[in-house]
Amino acid sequence: MKKTLLITLSTLTFTTLFSACGQVSVPTHTNTEEECLTVQRNLYKVEKFTDTVEKTSAFHLEEAAVAMNVPKITVSNNKRQMLRDAAKRKKSLEAEQKELGCKIATN
């Protein structure tokens, strides 16, 4: 009888200690932080793309745009169209950044 009681109590104690009941886990990373970083990276890409397009001649424009690989921007040899698309993309990313409540980095 004592042996059964000892085994039962030790099992319950072991289960209680290692089940982590009642412990609060604090998340170290949230999805919004990762999303903010992604938006910030995309904004940087768009700004770099805009700078490159402004400095590149129309003859080499399409090659430069393909090499930079910025999504949701038209790749062509029409400089105005590419700059217009880049401006739209930048505005949408800034709106998304504001919606997420990200810290806006100032240069």
N, C-alpha and C. Protein backbone atom coordinates (compact mmCIF):
# COMPACT_ATOMS: atom_id res chain seq x y z
N MET A 1 0.81 -1.18 0.00
CA MET A 1 0.00 0.00 0.00
C MET A 1 0.87 1.26 0.00
N LYS A 2 1.93 1.28 0.82
CA LYS A 2 2.81 2.43 0.89
C LYS A 2 3.55 2.62 -0.43
N LYS A 3 3.91 1.51 -1.06
CA LYS A 3 4.62 1.57 -2.33
C LYS A 3 3.73 2.18 -3.41
N THR A 4 2.48 1.79 -3.47
CA THR A 4 1.53 2.32 -4.44
C THR A 4 1.30 3.81 -4.21
N LEU A 5 1.17 4.21 -2.97
CA LEU A 5 0.96 5.61 -2.62
C LEU A 5 2.19 6.44 -3.01
N LEU A 6 3.37 5.91 -2.76
CA LEU A 6 4.61 6.60 -3.09
C LEU A 6 4.74 6.78 -4.61
N ILE A 7 4.44 5.75 -5.37
CA ILE A 7 4.52 5.82 -6.83
C ILE A 7 3.49 6.81 -7.37
N THR A 8 2.29 6.80 -6.84
CA THR A 8 1.24 7.70 -7.29
C THR A 8 1.62 9.16 -7.00
N LEU A 9 2.08 9.43 -5.80
CA LEU A 9 2.47 10.80 -5.45
C LEU A 9 3.66 11.29 -6.28
N SER A 10 4.62 10.43 -6.49
CA SER A 10 5.78 10.84 -7.28
C SER A 10 5.38 11.08 -8.75
N THR A 11 4.47 10.28 -9.25
CA THR A 11 3.99 10.47 -10.62
C THR A 11 3.23 11.79 -10.76
N LEU A 12 2.36 12.07 -9.80
CA LEU A 12 1.61 13.33 -9.83
C LEU A 12 2.53 14.54 -9.70
N THR A 13 3.52 14.43 -8.81
CA THR A 13 4.48 15.52 -8.65
C THR A 13 5.27 15.74 -9.93
N PHE A 14 5.76 14.67 -10.51
CA PHE A 14 6.52 14.75 -11.75
C PHE A 14 5.68 15.37 -12.86
N THR A 15 4.44 14.92 -13.00
CA THR A 15 3.55 15.44 -14.04
C THR A 15 3.26 16.92 -13.83
N THR A 16 3.03 17.33 -12.60
CA THR A 16 2.73 18.73 -12.30
C THR A 16 3.93 19.63 -12.58
N LEU A 17 5.10 19.19 -12.20
CA LEU A 17 6.29 20.01 -12.39
C LEU A 17 6.66 20.18 -13.86
N PHE A 18 6.50 19.16 -14.65
CA PHE A 18 6.94 19.20 -16.03
C PHE A 18 5.83 19.47 -17.05
N SER A 19 4.64 19.74 -16.59
CA SER A 19 3.56 20.03 -17.54
C SER A 19 3.50 21.50 -17.91
N ALA A 20 4.16 22.37 -17.15
CA ALA A 20 4.21 23.81 -17.39
C ALA A 20 2.83 24.45 -17.26
N CYS A 21 2.00 23.91 -16.44
CA CYS A 21 0.69 24.50 -16.20
C CYS A 21 0.86 25.78 -15.39
N GLY A 22 0.16 26.81 -15.79
CA GLY A 22 0.18 28.06 -15.06
C GLY A 22 1.36 28.95 -15.39
N GLN A 23 2.22 28.54 -16.28
CA GLN A 23 3.35 29.38 -16.66
C GLN A 23 2.98 30.23 -17.85
N VAL A 24 3.42 31.47 -17.82
CA VAL A 24 3.13 32.41 -18.90
C VAL A 24 4.36 32.49 -19.78
N SER A 25 4.16 32.29 -21.07
CA SER A 25 5.27 32.41 -22.00
C SER A 25 5.19 33.78 -22.68
N VAL A 26 6.31 34.46 -22.73
CA VAL A 26 6.38 35.79 -23.33
C VAL A 26 6.96 35.63 -24.73
N PRO A 27 6.23 36.05 -25.77
CA PRO A 27 6.77 35.94 -27.12
C PRO A 27 7.92 36.92 -27.32
N THR A 28 8.99 36.44 -27.93
CA THR A 28 10.14 37.30 -28.15
C THR A 28 10.02 38.06 -29.47
N HIS A 29 9.38 37.46 -30.43
CA HIS A 29 9.20 38.11 -31.73
C HIS A 29 7.72 38.08 -32.09
N THR A 30 7.23 39.16 -32.60
CA THR A 30 5.85 39.18 -33.05
C THR A 30 5.83 39.25 -34.56
N ASN A 31 4.71 38.89 -35.13
CA ASN A 31 4.58 38.93 -36.58
C ASN A 31 4.65 40.34 -37.10
N THR A 32 4.16 41.31 -36.34
CA THR A 32 4.17 42.68 -36.83
C THR A 32 5.60 43.20 -36.96
N GLU A 33 6.50 42.79 -36.09
CA GLU A 33 7.90 43.21 -36.22
C GLU A 33 8.50 42.67 -37.51
N GLU A 34 8.21 41.42 -37.80
CA GLU A 34 8.73 40.81 -39.03
C GLU A 34 8.11 41.47 -40.26
N GLU A 35 6.81 41.76 -40.18
CA GLU A 35 6.15 42.43 -41.30
C GLU A 35 6.70 43.83 -41.49
N CYS A 36 6.99 44.52 -40.40
CA CYS A 36 7.58 45.86 -40.49
C CYS A 36 8.95 45.80 -41.16
N LEU A 37 9.74 44.79 -40.81
CA LEU A 37 11.05 44.64 -41.44
C LEU A 37 10.92 44.36 -42.93
N THR A 38 9.95 43.53 -43.29
CA THR A 38 9.73 43.22 -44.69
C THR A 38 9.31 44.46 -45.46
N VAL A 39 8.39 45.24 -44.90
CA VAL A 39 7.94 46.47 -45.56
C VAL A 39 9.10 47.45 -45.68
N GLN A 40 9.92 47.55 -44.64
CA GLN A 40 11.06 48.45 -44.68
C GLN A 40 12.06 48.05 -45.76
N ARG A 41 12.31 46.74 -45.88
CA ARG A 41 13.20 46.25 -46.95
C ARG A 41 12.64 46.57 -48.33
N ASN A 42 11.34 46.35 -48.50
CA ASN A 42 10.72 46.64 -49.79
C ASN A 42 10.76 48.13 -50.11
N LEU A 43 10.57 48.98 -49.10
CA LEU A 43 10.68 50.42 -49.32
C LEU A 43 12.09 50.79 -49.75
N TYR A 44 13.07 50.19 -49.12
CA TYR A 44 14.45 50.45 -49.50
C TYR A 44 14.70 50.03 -50.95
N LYS A 45 14.18 48.86 -51.34
CA LYS A 45 14.34 48.39 -52.72
C LYS A 45 13.71 49.36 -53.70
N VAL A 46 12.51 49.84 -53.37
CA VAL A 46 11.81 50.76 -54.28
C VAL A 46 12.57 52.08 -54.39
N GLU A 47 13.08 52.59 -53.28
CA GLU A 47 13.85 53.83 -53.33
C GLU A 47 15.13 53.66 -54.14
N LYS A 48 15.79 52.54 -53.96
CA LYS A 48 17.01 52.26 -54.72
C LYS A 48 16.68 52.11 -56.21
N PHE A 49 15.55 51.44 -56.49
CA PHE A 49 15.10 51.26 -57.86
C PHE A 49 14.82 52.62 -58.51
N THR A 50 14.10 53.50 -57.80
CA THR A 50 13.78 54.82 -58.33
C THR A 50 15.04 55.61 -58.62
N ASP A 51 15.99 55.56 -57.72
CA ASP A 51 17.25 56.27 -57.90
C ASP A 51 18.00 55.73 -59.13
N THR A 52 18.02 54.42 -59.28
CA THR A 52 18.70 53.80 -60.42
C THR A 52 18.02 54.15 -61.73
N VAL A 53 16.69 54.12 -61.75
CA VAL A 53 15.95 54.44 -62.98
C VAL A 53 16.18 55.89 -63.39
N GLU A 54 16.19 56.79 -62.41
CA GLU A 54 16.41 58.21 -62.73
C GLU A 54 17.79 58.45 -63.32
N LYS A 55 18.78 57.67 -62.91
CA LYS A 55 20.15 57.87 -63.36
C LYS A 55 20.52 57.05 -64.60
N THR A 56 19.66 56.16 -65.03
CA THR A 56 19.97 55.26 -66.15
C THR A 56 19.35 55.80 -67.43
N SER A 57 20.07 55.63 -68.51
CA SER A 57 19.53 56.05 -69.81
C SER A 57 18.43 55.07 -70.25
N ALA A 58 17.56 55.53 -71.12
CA ALA A 58 16.44 54.71 -71.58
C ALA A 58 16.92 53.46 -72.30
N PHE A 59 18.09 53.54 -72.92
CA PHE A 59 18.62 52.40 -73.67
C PHE A 59 18.93 51.22 -72.74
N HIS A 60 19.41 51.49 -71.55
CA HIS A 60 19.80 50.43 -70.60
C HIS A 60 18.79 50.24 -69.48
N LEU A 61 17.68 50.91 -69.58
CA LEU A 61 16.72 50.93 -68.50
C LEU A 61 16.11 49.56 -68.20
N GLU A 62 15.69 48.86 -69.23
CA GLU A 62 15.04 47.56 -69.02
C GLU A 62 16.01 46.55 -68.40
N GLU A 63 17.26 46.57 -68.84
CA GLU A 63 18.26 45.66 -68.27
C GLU A 63 18.49 45.94 -66.79
N ALA A 64 18.56 47.21 -66.43
CA ALA A 64 18.78 47.58 -65.04
C ALA A 64 17.59 47.17 -64.18
N ALA A 65 16.38 47.34 -64.70
CA ALA A 65 15.17 46.99 -63.95
C ALA A 65 15.08 45.48 -63.72
N VAL A 66 15.43 44.70 -64.71
CA VAL A 66 15.40 43.24 -64.56
C VAL A 66 16.45 42.81 -63.53
N ALA A 67 17.60 43.45 -63.54
CA ALA A 67 18.67 43.09 -62.61
C ALA A 67 18.29 43.42 -61.17
N MET A 68 17.50 44.47 -60.97
CA MET A 68 17.15 44.87 -59.60
C MET A 68 16.03 44.03 -59.02
N ASN A 69 15.15 43.48 -59.84
CA ASN A 69 14.09 42.57 -59.41
C ASN A 69 13.22 43.15 -58.30
N VAL A 70 12.52 44.23 -58.60
CA VAL A 70 11.58 44.83 -57.65
C VAL A 70 10.17 44.41 -58.08
N PRO A 71 9.42 43.70 -57.22
CA PRO A 71 8.10 43.22 -57.61
C PRO A 71 7.07 44.34 -57.69
N LYS A 72 6.05 44.10 -58.50
CA LYS A 72 4.90 44.99 -58.70
C LYS A 72 5.26 46.31 -59.34
N ILE A 73 6.34 46.32 -60.12
CA ILE A 73 6.70 47.50 -60.90
C ILE A 73 6.92 47.05 -62.34
N THR A 74 6.33 47.76 -63.27
CA THR A 74 6.44 47.44 -64.68
C THR A 74 7.89 47.51 -65.13
N VAL A 75 8.34 46.50 -65.85
CA VAL A 75 9.68 46.49 -66.41
C VAL A 75 9.56 46.76 -67.90
N SER A 76 10.05 47.92 -68.32
CA SER A 76 10.02 48.28 -69.73
C SER A 76 11.11 49.30 -69.98
N ASN A 77 11.12 49.86 -71.18
CA ASN A 77 12.09 50.92 -71.46
C ASN A 77 11.42 52.30 -71.37
N ASN A 78 10.20 52.35 -70.83
CA ASN A 78 9.49 53.60 -70.63
C ASN A 78 9.79 54.12 -69.22
N LYS A 79 10.62 55.12 -69.15
CA LYS A 79 11.10 55.64 -67.87
C LYS A 79 9.97 56.22 -67.02
N ARG A 80 9.08 56.99 -67.66
CA ARG A 80 7.98 57.61 -66.91
C ARG A 80 7.06 56.57 -66.29
N GLN A 81 6.75 55.52 -67.05
CA GLN A 81 5.87 54.46 -66.55
C GLN A 81 6.50 53.75 -65.36
N MET A 82 7.78 53.47 -65.46
CA MET A 82 8.46 52.78 -64.36
C MET A 82 8.52 53.66 -63.11
N LEU A 83 8.78 54.95 -63.28
CA LEU A 83 8.81 55.86 -62.14
C LEU A 83 7.42 56.02 -61.52
N ARG A 84 6.39 56.05 -62.36
CA ARG A 84 5.01 56.14 -61.87
C ARG A 84 4.65 54.90 -61.05
N ASP A 85 5.00 53.72 -61.58
CA ASP A 85 4.74 52.47 -60.85
C ASP A 85 5.51 52.42 -59.54
N ALA A 86 6.74 52.90 -59.56
CA ALA A 86 7.55 52.91 -58.34
C ALA A 86 6.94 53.85 -57.30
N ALA A 87 6.43 55.00 -57.74
CA ALA A 87 5.80 55.93 -56.81
C ALA A 87 4.53 55.33 -56.21
N LYS A 88 3.73 54.64 -57.03
CA LYS A 88 2.53 53.97 -56.51
C LYS A 88 2.90 52.89 -55.50
N ARG A 89 3.92 52.11 -55.82
CA ARG A 89 4.36 51.04 -54.93
C ARG A 89 4.88 51.61 -53.61
N LYS A 90 5.61 52.72 -53.70
CA LYS A 90 6.13 53.35 -52.49
C LYS A 90 4.99 53.86 -51.61
N LYS A 91 3.98 54.47 -52.23
CA LYS A 91 2.83 54.96 -51.46
C LYS A 91 2.09 53.81 -50.78
N SER A 92 1.92 52.71 -51.49
CA SER A 92 1.21 51.57 -50.90
C SER A 92 2.02 50.96 -49.75
N LEU A 93 3.34 50.90 -49.90
CA LEU A 93 4.18 50.37 -48.82
C LEU A 93 4.18 51.30 -47.61
N GLU A 94 4.19 52.62 -47.85
CA GLU A 94 4.12 53.57 -46.74
C GLU A 94 2.78 53.46 -46.01
N ALA A 95 1.70 53.26 -46.77
CA ALA A 95 0.39 53.09 -46.15
C ALA A 95 0.35 51.80 -45.32
N GLU A 96 0.94 50.74 -45.85
CA GLU A 96 1.00 49.47 -45.12
C GLU A 96 1.84 49.63 -43.86
N GLN A 97 2.93 50.37 -43.96
CA GLN A 97 3.80 50.62 -42.82
C GLN A 97 3.04 51.39 -41.74
N LYS A 98 2.28 52.37 -42.15
CA LYS A 98 1.50 53.17 -41.20
C LYS A 98 0.40 52.32 -40.56
N GLU A 99 -0.22 51.45 -41.36
CA GLU A 99 -1.30 50.57 -40.87
C GLU A 99 -0.78 49.59 -39.81
N LEU A 100 0.43 49.10 -40.02
CA LEU A 100 1.04 48.16 -39.08
C LEU A 100 1.54 48.85 -37.82
N GLY A 101 1.68 50.16 -37.90
CA GLY A 101 2.18 50.89 -36.75
C GLY A 101 3.69 50.78 -36.58
N CYS A 102 4.39 50.68 -37.69
CA CYS A 102 5.84 50.53 -37.65
C CYS A 102 6.50 51.87 -37.33
N LYS A 103 7.68 51.78 -36.76
CA LYS A 103 8.48 52.98 -36.56
C LYS A 103 9.03 53.40 -37.91
N ILE A 104 8.83 54.64 -38.26
CA ILE A 104 9.28 55.13 -39.56
C ILE A 104 10.68 55.69 -39.40
N ALA A 105 11.62 55.08 -40.14
CA ALA A 105 13.00 55.52 -40.08
C ALA A 105 13.19 56.77 -40.93
N THR A 106 13.85 57.75 -40.36
CA THR A 106 14.16 58.97 -41.10
C THR A 106 15.63 59.00 -41.41
N ASN A 107 15.93 59.34 -42.64
CA ASN A 107 17.34 59.36 -43.06
C ASN A 107 17.91 60.74 -42.92
